[in-house]
Amino acid sequence: MTRPILVPAARRADQQPCDITWHIMQMGSYSDSVRALQNIIKPVFDALTKGLEAAAQQHLDSGFARGDDPHYFSHTARRVASKELGNLGITATNESSGRPLLSLSGILITHNGLAVRVLRSPYKEGTRSHLIPPPGRSARRQAFWRQMPALSDFHTDNHLLLWTDDESRLLDPMTLVRPLGGDYRRDSVIVDWAGPLSRGMSMLRAADLDELRPSYKSDQLEG
């Protein structure tokens, strides 16, 4: 199983400078992204909370131990959260079938020009920072990490929203990440920035949003 990483690696020698330049031209700032998502922050927190509560209750009723199959627990939580967000029209769906665009209860939010993959990822031990996962071997996920359009014929600014829980309790903050690339290697992930996304940010004033700064900003992409 591929292990996630926290700190993005420097640009690899095989990456083309023009690709990095394109990403710089298209990038959105951390504060701009939080502003774009502000009115759905609370619904996302609520949906994940409901999903975790439902998964915990289902396991309790069935006599299941989460540790025996943690992937099943997470799948159940995501399935409920995805349905909650779908009812609000927040998740991306297939135009012909109306079903969620991602399979296996994956959550893809499209809102105000942003495409956000919602992923469970643990905190790095002793910190409040989530481990940033590589996209793996999936060509579709790698394209999303590289900022290729997530929707056909529609440019999106792609983000990751990372969450975790402690004994079925959603932890606050989540982490919002703007990726720029990666593959199956744990040291391959490149990001523009990463910063917290807390429930309280849904109440920030415009002036407060302007003052937000990410907890990590790539030095390789500046200048």
C-alpha atoms as a PDB file:
ATOM      1  CA  MET A   1       0.000   0.000   0.000  1.00  0.00           C
ATOM      2  CA  THR A   2       1.399   3.413  -0.965  1.00  0.00           C
ATOM      3  CA  ARG A   3       2.169   5.578   2.040  1.00  0.00           C
ATOM      4  CA  PRO A   4       1.126   9.244   1.958  1.00  0.00           C
ATOM      5  CA  ILE A   5       3.530  12.099   2.488  1.00  0.00           C
ATOM      6  CA  LEU A   6       3.342  15.412   4.319  1.00  0.00           C
ATOM      7  CA  VAL A   7       5.916  17.705   2.745  1.00  0.00           C
ATOM      8  CA  PRO A   8       5.849  17.892  -1.067  1.00  0.00           C
ATOM      9  CA  ALA A   9       9.058  17.056  -2.868  1.00  0.00           C
ATOM     10  CA  ALA A  10      10.949  19.470  -5.088  1.00  0.00           C
ATOM     11  CA  ARG A  11      10.267  19.466  -8.807  1.00  0.00           C
ATOM     12  CA  ARG A  12      11.739  16.379 -10.453  1.00  0.00           C
ATOM     13  CA  ALA A  13      14.192  16.638 -13.316  1.00  0.00           C
ATOM     14  CA  ASP A  14      11.759  14.991 -15.739  1.00  0.00           C
ATOM     15  CA  GLN A  15       9.087  17.654 -15.297  1.00  0.00           C
ATOM     16  CA  GLN A  16       8.829  20.284 -17.977  1.00  0.00           C
ATOM     17  CA  PRO A  17       9.278  23.941 -16.919  1.00  0.00           C
ATOM     18  CA  CYS A  18       6.339  24.918 -19.138  1.00  0.00           C
ATOM     19  CA  ASP A  19       4.050  22.669 -17.078  1.00  0.00           C
ATOM     20  CA  ILE A  20       5.075  24.428 -13.884  1.00  0.00           C
ATOM     21  CA  THR A  21       4.633  27.827 -15.555  1.00  0.00           C
ATOM     22  CA  TRP A  22       1.100  26.893 -16.632  1.00  0.00           C
ATOM     23  CA  HIS A  23       0.244  25.900 -13.067  1.00  0.00           C
ATOM     24  CA  ILE A  24       1.542  29.238 -11.773  1.00  0.00           C
ATOM     25  CA  MET A  25      -0.571  31.148 -14.288  1.00  0.00           C
ATOM     26  CA  GLN A  26      -3.708  29.223 -13.330  1.00  0.00           C
ATOM     27  CA  MET A  27      -3.223  29.015  -9.566  1.00  0.00           C
ATOM     28  CA  GLY A  28      -5.668  30.350  -7.021  1.00  0.00           C
ATOM     29  CA  SER A  29      -4.540  31.522  -3.606  1.00  0.00           C
ATOM     30  CA  TYR A  30      -5.412  29.799  -0.351  1.00  0.00           C
ATOM     31  CA  SER A  31      -7.575  32.702   0.821  1.00  0.00           C
ATOM     32  CA  ASP A  32      -9.386  32.851  -2.532  1.00  0.00           C
ATOM     33  CA  SER A  33     -10.144  29.125  -2.346  1.00  0.00           C
ATOM     34  CA  VAL A  34     -11.483  29.346   1.202  1.00  0.00           C
ATOM     35  CA  ARG A  35     -13.629  32.290   0.096  1.00  0.00           C
ATOM     36  CA  ALA A  36     -14.990  30.271  -2.845  1.00  0.00           C
ATOM     37  CA  LEU A  37     -15.903  27.373  -0.549  1.00  0.00           C
ATOM     38  CA  GLN A  38     -17.089  29.396   2.428  1.00  0.00           C
ATOM     39  CA  ASN A  39     -20.823  28.861   2.046  1.00  0.00           C
ATOM     40  CA  ILE A  40     -20.471  25.063   1.799  1.00  0.00           C
ATOM     41  CA  ILE A  41     -17.962  24.556   4.641  1.00  0.00           C
ATOM     42  CA  LYS A  42     -20.679  23.846   7.193  1.00  0.00           C
ATOM     43  CA  PRO A  43     -22.617  21.411   4.916  1.00  0.00           C
ATOM     44  CA  VAL A  44     -19.406  19.462   4.228  1.00  0.00           C
ATOM     45  CA  PHE A  45     -18.596  19.192   7.936  1.00  0.00           C
ATOM     46  CA  ASP A  46     -22.193  18.201   8.679  1.00  0.00           C
ATOM     47  CA  ALA A  47     -22.262  15.561   5.934  1.00  0.00           C
ATOM     48  CA  LEU A  48     -19.031  13.906   7.056  1.00  0.00           C
ATOM     49  CA  THR A  49     -20.181  14.014  10.682  1.00  0.00           C
ATOM     50  CA  LYS A  50     -23.437  12.318   9.729  1.00  0.00           C
ATOM     51  CA  GLY A  51     -21.544   9.730   7.689  1.00  0.00           C
ATOM     52  CA  LEU A  52     -19.255   8.860  10.582  1.00  0.00           C
ATOM     53  CA  GLU A  53     -22.175   8.629  13.011  1.00  0.00           C
ATOM     54  CA  ALA A  54     -24.063   6.350  10.632  1.00  0.00           C
ATOM     55  CA  ALA A  55     -21.035   4.103  10.104  1.00  0.00           C
ATOM     56  CA  ALA A  56     -20.435   3.853  13.848  1.00  0.00           C
ATOM     57  CA  GLN A  57     -24.084   3.002  14.522  1.00  0.00           C
ATOM     58  CA  GLN A  58     -24.152   0.409  11.740  1.00  0.00           C
ATOM     59  CA  HIS A  59     -21.053  -1.279  13.123  1.00  0.00           C
ATOM     60  CA  LEU A  60     -22.498  -1.217  16.634  1.00  0.00           C
ATOM     61  CA  ASP A  61     -25.797  -2.725  15.502  1.00  0.00           C
ATOM     62  CA  SER A  62     -24.027  -5.434  13.498  1.00  0.00           C
ATOM     63  CA  GLY A  63     -21.407  -6.228  16.098  1.00  0.00           C
ATOM     64  CA  PHE A  64     -18.611  -5.301  13.687  1.00  0.00           C
ATOM     65  CA  ALA A  65     -15.199  -4.121  14.873  1.00  0.00           C
ATOM     66  CA  ARG A  66     -13.939  -1.224  12.789  1.00  0.00           C
ATOM     67  CA  GLY A  67     -10.369  -2.485  13.028  1.00  0.00           C
ATOM     68  CA  ASP A  68     -11.306  -5.736  11.306  1.00  0.00           C
ATOM     69  CA  ASP A  69     -12.134  -3.900   8.078  1.00  0.00           C
ATOM     70  CA  PRO A  70     -11.339  -0.163   8.302  1.00  0.00           C
ATOM     71  CA  HIS A  71     -11.952   0.288   4.581  1.00  0.00           C
ATOM     72  CA  TYR A  72     -15.553  -0.856   4.993  1.00  0.00           C
ATOM     73  CA  PHE A  73     -16.107   1.659   7.796  1.00  0.00           C
ATOM     74  CA  SER A  74     -14.695   4.516   5.718  1.00  0.00           C
ATOM     75  CA  HIS A  75     -16.712   3.427   2.673  1.00  0.00           C
ATOM     76  CA  THR A  76     -19.912   3.500   4.731  1.00  0.00           C
ATOM     77  CA  ALA A  77     -19.122   6.954   6.116  1.00  0.00           C
ATOM     78  CA  ARG A  78     -18.329   8.302   2.641  1.00  0.00           C
ATOM     79  CA  ARG A  79     -21.445   6.744   1.142  1.00  0.00           C
ATOM     80  CA  VAL A  80     -23.701   8.536   3.608  1.00  0.00           C
ATOM     81  CA  ALA A  81     -21.763  11.814   3.319  1.00  0.00           C
ATOM     82  CA  SER A  82     -21.875  11.621  -0.481  1.00  0.00           C
ATOM     83  CA  LYS A  83     -25.642  11.178  -0.431  1.00  0.00           C
ATOM     84  CA  GLU A  84     -26.063  14.139   1.938  1.00  0.00           C
ATOM     85  CA  LEU A  85     -23.971  16.392  -0.285  1.00  0.00           C
ATOM     86  CA  GLY A  86     -25.672  15.069  -3.406  1.00  0.00           C
ATOM     87  CA  ASN A  87     -29.046  16.052  -1.972  1.00  0.00           C
ATOM     88  CA  LEU A  88     -27.703  19.603  -1.723  1.00  0.00           C
ATOM     89  CA  GLY A  89     -26.480  19.542  -5.325  1.00  0.00           C
ATOM     90  CA  ILE A  90     -22.856  19.985  -4.246  1.00  0.00           C
ATOM     91  CA  THR A  91     -21.288  16.805  -5.622  1.00  0.00           C
ATOM     92  CA  ALA A  92     -20.425  16.303  -9.282  1.00  0.00           C
ATOM     93  CA  THR A  93     -22.742  13.893 -11.089  1.00  0.00           C
ATOM     94  CA  ASN A  94     -22.925  12.178 -14.451  1.00  0.00           C
ATOM     95  CA  GLU A  95     -25.163  14.278 -16.690  1.00  0.00           C
ATOM     96  CA  SER A  96     -26.946  11.293 -18.255  1.00  0.00           C
ATOM     97  CA  SER A  97     -27.441   9.067 -15.199  1.00  0.00           C
ATOM     98  CA  GLY A  98     -27.445  11.621 -12.404  1.00  0.00           C
ATOM     99  CA  ARG A  99     -25.141   9.365 -10.404  1.00  0.00           C
ATOM    100  CA  PRO A 100     -22.025  10.654  -8.600  1.00  0.00           C
ATOM    101  CA  LEU A 101     -19.120  11.130 -10.998  1.00  0.00           C
ATOM    102  CA  LEU A 102     -16.717   9.154  -8.787  1.00  0.00           C
ATOM    103  CA  SER A 103     -17.196   5.469  -8.049  1.00  0.00           C
ATOM    104  CA  LEU A 104     -16.701   3.614  -4.741  1.00  0.00           C
ATOM    105  CA  SER A 105     -18.406   6.441  -2.835  1.00  0.00           C
ATOM    106  CA  GLY A 106     -15.670   8.889  -3.750  1.00  0.00           C
ATOM    107  CA  ILE A 107     -16.680  12.491  -3.135  1.00  0.00           C
ATOM    108  CA  LEU A 108     -16.008  15.163  -5.756  1.00  0.00           C
ATOM    109  CA  ILE A 109     -17.380  18.605  -4.939  1.00  0.00           C
ATOM    110  CA  THR A 110     -17.778  21.212  -7.668  1.00  0.00           C
ATOM    111  CA  HIS A 111     -18.437  24.733  -6.451  1.00  0.00           C
ATOM    112  CA  ASN A 112     -17.591  28.234  -7.721  1.00  0.00           C
ATOM    113  CA  GLY A 113     -15.126  26.938 -10.307  1.00  0.00           C
ATOM    114  CA  LEU A 114     -13.364  24.624  -7.854  1.00  0.00           C
ATOM    115  CA  ALA A 115     -13.260  20.833  -8.026  1.00  0.00           C
ATOM    116  CA  VAL A 116     -12.511  19.279  -4.637  1.00  0.00           C
ATOM    117  CA  ARG A 117     -11.756  15.622  -3.966  1.00  0.00           C
ATOM    118  CA  VAL A 118     -12.673  14.831  -0.352  1.00  0.00           C
ATOM    119  CA  LEU A 119     -10.286  12.202   1.005  1.00  0.00           C
ATOM    120  CA  ARG A 120      -9.700  10.602   4.370  1.00  0.00           C
ATOM    121  CA  SER A 121      -6.085  11.002   5.479  1.00  0.00           C
ATOM    122  CA  PRO A 122      -4.667  10.787   9.004  1.00  0.00           C
ATOM    123  CA  TYR A 123      -2.832  13.517  10.836  1.00  0.00           C
ATOM    124  CA  LYS A 124       0.918  13.304  10.933  1.00  0.00           C
ATOM    125  CA  GLU A 125       1.766  12.055  14.400  1.00  0.00           C
ATOM    126  CA  GLY A 126       2.000  14.883  16.913  1.00  0.00           C
ATOM    127  CA  THR A 127       0.693  17.554  14.513  1.00  0.00           C
ATOM    128  CA  ARG A 128      -2.560  18.983  13.236  1.00  0.00           C
ATOM    129  CA  SER A 129      -1.398  18.558   9.638  1.00  0.00           C
ATOM    130  CA  HIS A 130      -2.839  15.862   7.415  1.00  0.00           C
ATOM    131  CA  LEU A 131      -0.639  13.557   5.405  1.00  0.00           C
ATOM    132  CA  ILE A 132      -0.984  14.474   1.734  1.00  0.00           C
ATOM    133  CA  PRO A 133      -1.609  11.330  -0.343  1.00  0.00           C
ATOM    134  CA  PRO A 134      -0.100  10.732  -3.778  1.00  0.00           C
ATOM    135  CA  PRO A 135      -2.575   9.959  -6.563  1.00  0.00           C
ATOM    136  CA  GLY A 136      -1.242   6.434  -7.036  1.00  0.00           C
ATOM    137  CA  ARG A 137      -1.209   4.668 -10.400  1.00  0.00           C
ATOM    138  CA  SER A 138      -4.623   5.915 -11.532  1.00  0.00           C
ATOM    139  CA  ALA A 139      -4.233   8.073 -14.653  1.00  0.00           C
ATOM    140  CA  ARG A 140      -7.438   9.907 -13.754  1.00  0.00           C
ATOM    141  CA  ARG A 141      -6.218  10.789 -10.266  1.00  0.00           C
ATOM    142  CA  GLN A 142      -2.801  11.793 -11.565  1.00  0.00           C
ATOM    143  CA  ALA A 143      -4.484  14.141 -14.042  1.00  0.00           C
ATOM    144  CA  PHE A 144      -6.503  15.700 -11.234  1.00  0.00           C
ATOM    145  CA  TRP A 145      -3.350  16.255  -9.166  1.00  0.00           C
ATOM    146  CA  ARG A 146      -1.758  17.908 -12.245  1.00  0.00           C
ATOM    147  CA  GLN A 147      -4.667  20.367 -12.499  1.00  0.00           C
ATOM    148  CA  MET A 148      -6.171  18.861 -15.634  1.00  0.00           C
ATOM    149  CA  PRO A 149      -9.910  19.692 -15.946  1.00  0.00           C
ATOM    150  CA  ALA A 150     -11.958  17.473 -13.650  1.00  0.00           C
ATOM    151  CA  LEU A 151     -15.096  17.953 -15.760  1.00  0.00           C
ATOM    152  CA  SER A 152     -15.357  17.587 -19.538  1.00  0.00           C
ATOM    153  CA  ASP A 153     -15.019  20.880 -21.412  1.00  0.00           C
ATOM    154  CA  PHE A 154     -14.922  22.866 -18.169  1.00  0.00           C
ATOM    155  CA  HIS A 155     -11.780  24.239 -16.553  1.00  0.00           C
ATOM    156  CA  THR A 156     -11.591  23.631 -12.825  1.00  0.00           C
ATOM    157  CA  ASP A 157      -9.105  24.625 -10.154  1.00  0.00           C
ATOM    158  CA  ASN A 158      -8.488  21.281  -8.463  1.00  0.00           C
ATOM    159  CA  HIS A 159      -8.125  20.847  -4.704  1.00  0.00           C
ATOM    160  CA  LEU A 160      -7.929  18.077  -2.124  1.00  0.00           C
ATOM    161  CA  LEU A 161      -9.867  18.306   1.127  1.00  0.00           C
ATOM    162  CA  LEU A 162      -8.360  15.949   3.697  1.00  0.00           C
ATOM    163  CA  TRP A 163     -10.210  14.801   6.795  1.00  0.00           C
ATOM    164  CA  THR A 164      -9.774  12.291   9.570  1.00  0.00           C
ATOM    165  CA  ASP A 165     -11.630  11.171  12.669  1.00  0.00           C
ATOM    166  CA  ASP A 166     -10.919  10.063  16.211  1.00  0.00           C
ATOM    167  CA  GLU A 167     -13.184   7.202  17.258  1.00  0.00           C
ATOM    168  CA  SER A 168     -15.822   8.292  14.727  1.00  0.00           C
ATOM    169  CA  ARG A 169     -15.581  11.977  15.697  1.00  0.00           C
ATOM    170  CA  LEU A 170     -14.651  14.248  12.791  1.00  0.00           C
ATOM    171  CA  LEU A 171     -11.582  16.299  13.668  1.00  0.00           C
ATOM    172  CA  ASP A 172     -11.479  20.022  13.024  1.00  0.00           C
ATOM    173  CA  PRO A 173      -9.712  21.437  11.057  1.00  0.00           C
ATOM    174  CA  MET A 174      -9.603  19.591   7.783  1.00  0.00           C
ATOM    175  CA  THR A 175      -6.775  20.441   5.376  1.00  0.00           C
ATOM    176  CA  LEU A 176      -7.276  22.099   1.998  1.00  0.00           C
ATOM    177  CA  VAL A 177      -4.546  21.397  -0.566  1.00  0.00           C
ATOM    178  CA  ARG A 178      -3.882  22.627  -4.085  1.00  0.00           C
ATOM    179  CA  PRO A 179      -1.889  19.819  -5.781  1.00  0.00           C
ATOM    180  CA  LEU A 180       0.283  20.232  -8.860  1.00  0.00           C
ATOM    181  CA  GLY A 181       1.402  16.682  -9.588  1.00  0.00           C
ATOM    182  CA  GLY A 182       2.345  13.253  -8.363  1.00  0.00           C
ATOM    183  CA  ASP A 183       2.312   9.561  -9.142  1.00  0.00           C
ATOM    184  CA  TYR A 184       2.486   6.317  -7.168  1.00  0.00           C
ATOM    185  CA  ARG A 185       5.729   7.219  -5.390  1.00  0.00           C
ATOM    186  CA  ARG A 186       5.459   8.553  -1.863  1.00  0.00           C
ATOM    187  CA  ASP A 187       7.964  11.336  -2.621  1.00  0.00           C
ATOM    188  CA  SER A 188       6.371  12.425  -5.889  1.00  0.00           C
ATOM    189  CA  VAL A 189       3.658  14.819  -4.709  1.00  0.00           C
ATOM    190  CA  ILE A 190       4.053  18.494  -5.580  1.00  0.00           C
ATOM    191  CA  VAL A 191       1.646  21.069  -4.173  1.00  0.00           C
ATOM    192  CA  ASP A 192       1.179  24.789  -4.548  1.00  0.00           C
ATOM    193  CA  TRP A 193      -0.037  25.246  -0.963  1.00  0.00           C
ATOM    194  CA  ALA A 194      -1.814  23.567   1.939  1.00  0.00           C
ATOM    195  CA  GLY A 195      -3.752  25.108   4.800  1.00  0.00           C
ATOM    196  CA  PRO A 196      -6.452  24.413   7.377  1.00  0.00           C
ATOM    197  CA  LEU A 197     -10.158  24.484   6.641  1.00  0.00           C
ATOM    198  CA  SER A 198     -12.126  24.758   9.868  1.00  0.00           C
ATOM    199  CA  ARG A 199     -15.834  24.876  10.516  1.00  0.00           C
ATOM    200  CA  GLY A 200     -15.420  28.351  11.981  1.00  0.00           C
ATOM    201  CA  MET A 201     -14.187  29.714   8.651  1.00  0.00           C
ATOM    202  CA  SER A 202     -17.786  29.621   7.454  1.00  0.00           C
ATOM    203  CA  MET A 203     -18.379  32.689   9.653  1.00  0.00           C
ATOM    204  CA  LEU A 204     -15.329  34.761   8.705  1.00  0.00           C
ATOM    205  CA  ARG A 205     -15.807  38.272   7.352  1.00  0.00           C
ATOM    206  CA  ALA A 206     -14.350  39.290   3.990  1.00  0.00           C
ATOM    207  CA  ALA A 207     -11.523  41.176   5.685  1.00  0.00           C
ATOM    208  CA  ASP A 208     -10.652  38.095   7.740  1.00  0.00           C
ATOM    209  CA  LEU A 209     -10.580  35.935   4.632  1.00  0.00           C
ATOM    210  CA  ASP A 210      -8.111  38.352   3.048  1.00  0.00           C
ATOM    211  CA  GLU A 211      -5.722  37.780   5.949  1.00  0.00           C
ATOM    212  CA  LEU A 212      -5.665  33.987   5.671  1.00  0.00           C
ATOM    213  CA  ARG A 213      -2.294  32.429   4.894  1.00  0.00           C
ATOM    214  CA  PRO A 214      -1.548  28.763   4.142  1.00  0.00           C
ATOM    215  CA  SER A 215       0.439  26.664   6.584  1.00  0.00           C
ATOM    216  CA  TYR A 216       2.610  25.478   3.679  1.00  0.00           C
ATOM    217  CA  LYS A 217       3.571  27.326   0.491  1.00  0.00           C
ATOM    218  CA  SER A 218       5.902  25.894  -2.142  1.00  0.00           C
ATOM    219  CA  ASP A 219       9.174  27.793  -2.513  1.00  0.00           C
ATOM    220  CA  GLN A 220       9.982  26.041  -5.793  1.00  0.00           C
ATOM    221  CA  LEU A 221       7.118  27.783  -7.604  1.00  0.00           C
ATOM    222  CA  GLU A 222       7.875  31.330  -6.518  1.00  0.00           C
ATOM    223  CA  GLY A 223       9.908  33.858  -8.457  1.00  0.00           C
END
